[in-house]
Amino acid sequence: MAALWSAPDGLPAGDVVAALPGRELAVTTVLTVLERLRHKGLVERTRDGRAYRYRATRGREELVAETMLAALGDSADRALALSRFVDQVPADDLAALRRALGDPDRP
């Protein structure tokens, strides 16, 4: 996903392979992963000559937020899960959270 997020216009599978440092993966392996991501709605593909160009459908931060909400949805006690989360958030992130919530007492 990092390779696709760095290329807003998308990449062919071969370029995704090239963008993976230290990895020696076959293009077919990367194509399999890209297709699985496409079926999950995380990647879309468009025809580019004889091949396909793959592009992330959501930005990194949007996907992180969706993941956080999904994890919260798995909790039996959402209020407790949120409380535990806030207790563990570093101060600078807590300040950002307050700003995002529109807290008038934010630092």
Protein backbone atom coordinates (compact mmCIF):
# COMPACT_ATOMS: atom_id res chain seq x y z
CA MET A 1 0.00 0.00 0.00
CA ALA A 2 2.87 2.39 0.74
CA ALA A 3 4.02 2.14 -2.88
CA LEU A 4 0.52 2.94 -4.12
CA TRP A 5 0.08 5.82 -1.68
CA SER A 6 3.28 7.36 -3.02
CA ALA A 7 1.91 7.26 -6.58
CA PRO A 8 -1.47 9.04 -6.82
CA ASP A 9 -1.82 8.08 -10.50
CA GLY A 10 -1.24 4.42 -9.66
CA LEU A 11 1.41 1.92 -10.66
CA PRO A 12 1.64 -1.19 -12.80
CA ALA A 13 2.45 -4.35 -10.84
CA GLY A 14 6.06 -4.33 -12.05
CA ASP A 15 6.60 -0.87 -10.59
CA VAL A 16 5.06 -1.99 -7.30
CA VAL A 17 7.61 -4.84 -7.21
CA ALA A 18 10.42 -2.36 -7.90
CA ALA A 19 9.17 -0.09 -5.09
CA LEU A 20 9.53 -2.85 -2.49
CA PRO A 21 13.06 -2.42 -1.12
CA GLY A 22 14.96 -5.54 -0.16
CA ARG A 23 12.28 -7.81 -1.52
CA GLU A 24 12.66 -10.24 -4.37
CA LEU A 25 9.05 -11.01 -5.19
CA ALA A 26 7.66 -12.34 -8.41
CA VAL A 27 5.28 -10.04 -10.27
CA THR A 28 2.66 -12.81 -10.08
CA THR A 29 2.88 -12.75 -6.27
CA VAL A 30 2.36 -8.98 -6.21
CA LEU A 31 -0.52 -9.32 -8.69
CA THR A 32 -2.19 -11.83 -6.37
CA VAL A 33 -1.92 -9.42 -3.44
CA LEU A 34 -3.12 -6.48 -5.55
CA GLU A 35 -6.16 -8.47 -6.71
CA ARG A 36 -6.99 -9.43 -3.13
CA LEU A 37 -6.75 -5.78 -2.13
CA ARG A 38 -8.96 -4.87 -5.09
CA HIS A 39 -11.63 -7.34 -4.01
CA LYS A 40 -11.55 -5.78 -0.54
CA GLY A 41 -12.08 -2.35 -2.11
CA LEU A 42 -8.69 -0.99 -1.06
CA VAL A 43 -7.26 -0.85 -4.59
CA GLU A 44 -8.74 -0.14 -8.00
CA ARG A 45 -7.30 -0.95 -11.38
CA THR A 46 -7.52 0.68 -14.77
CA ARG A 47 -6.34 -0.61 -18.10
CA ASP A 48 -2.97 0.78 -19.15
CA GLY A 49 -2.09 -0.70 -22.52
CA ARG A 50 -1.90 -4.47 -22.13
CA ALA A 51 -1.49 -4.29 -18.35
CA TYR A 52 -3.33 -2.73 -15.44
CA ARG A 53 -2.41 0.25 -13.32
CA TYR A 54 -3.31 -0.10 -9.63
CA ARG A 55 -4.25 2.80 -7.35
CA ALA A 56 -5.20 3.01 -3.68
CA THR A 57 -8.86 3.90 -3.21
CA ARG A 58 -8.26 5.51 0.19
CA GLY A 59 -5.47 7.54 1.67
CA ARG A 60 -3.30 6.15 4.44
CA GLU A 61 -4.95 8.26 7.16
CA GLU A 62 -8.45 7.33 5.99
CA LEU A 63 -7.56 3.64 6.12
CA VAL A 64 -6.03 4.02 9.59
CA ALA A 65 -9.20 5.77 10.81
CA GLU A 66 -11.38 3.00 9.35
CA THR A 67 -9.19 0.38 11.05
CA MET A 68 -9.47 2.18 14.38
CA LEU A 69 -13.26 2.37 14.06
CA ALA A 70 -13.44 -1.32 13.15
CA ALA A 71 -11.40 -2.19 16.24
CA LEU A 72 -13.68 -0.04 18.39
CA GLY A 73 -16.67 -1.80 16.86
CA ASP A 74 -15.29 -5.12 18.07
CA SER A 75 -15.34 -3.94 21.70
CA ALA A 76 -18.07 -5.10 24.05
CA ASP A 77 -17.71 -1.84 26.00
CA ARG A 78 -16.95 1.05 23.65
CA ALA A 79 -16.75 3.65 26.43
CA LEU A 80 -14.19 1.57 28.32
CA ALA A 81 -12.17 0.94 25.14
CA LEU A 82 -12.14 4.68 24.38
CA SER A 83 -11.14 5.48 27.95
CA ARG A 84 -8.25 3.00 27.83
CA PHE A 85 -7.18 4.39 24.46
CA VAL A 86 -7.13 7.98 25.77
CA ASP A 87 -5.17 6.87 28.84
CA GLN A 88 -2.43 5.50 26.57
CA VAL A 89 -2.27 8.27 23.96
CA PRO A 90 0.91 10.40 24.11
CA ALA A 91 0.38 14.04 25.11
CA ASP A 92 0.98 15.48 21.63
CA ASP A 93 -1.56 13.05 20.13
CA LEU A 94 -4.01 13.87 22.91
CA ALA A 95 -3.71 17.56 22.05
CA ALA A 96 -4.43 16.74 18.39
CA LEU A 97 -7.43 14.67 19.46
CA ARG A 98 -8.75 17.58 21.51
CA ARG A 99 -8.37 19.90 18.52
CA ALA A 100 -10.18 17.41 16.31
CA LEU A 101 -13.05 17.24 18.81
CA GLY A 102 -13.26 21.03 18.97
CA ASP A 103 -12.46 21.12 22.71
CA PRO A 104 -12.44 24.79 23.79
CA ASP A 105 -9.91 23.99 26.54
CA ARG A 106 -7.42 22.50 24.13
CA PRO A 107 -3.80 23.52 24.70
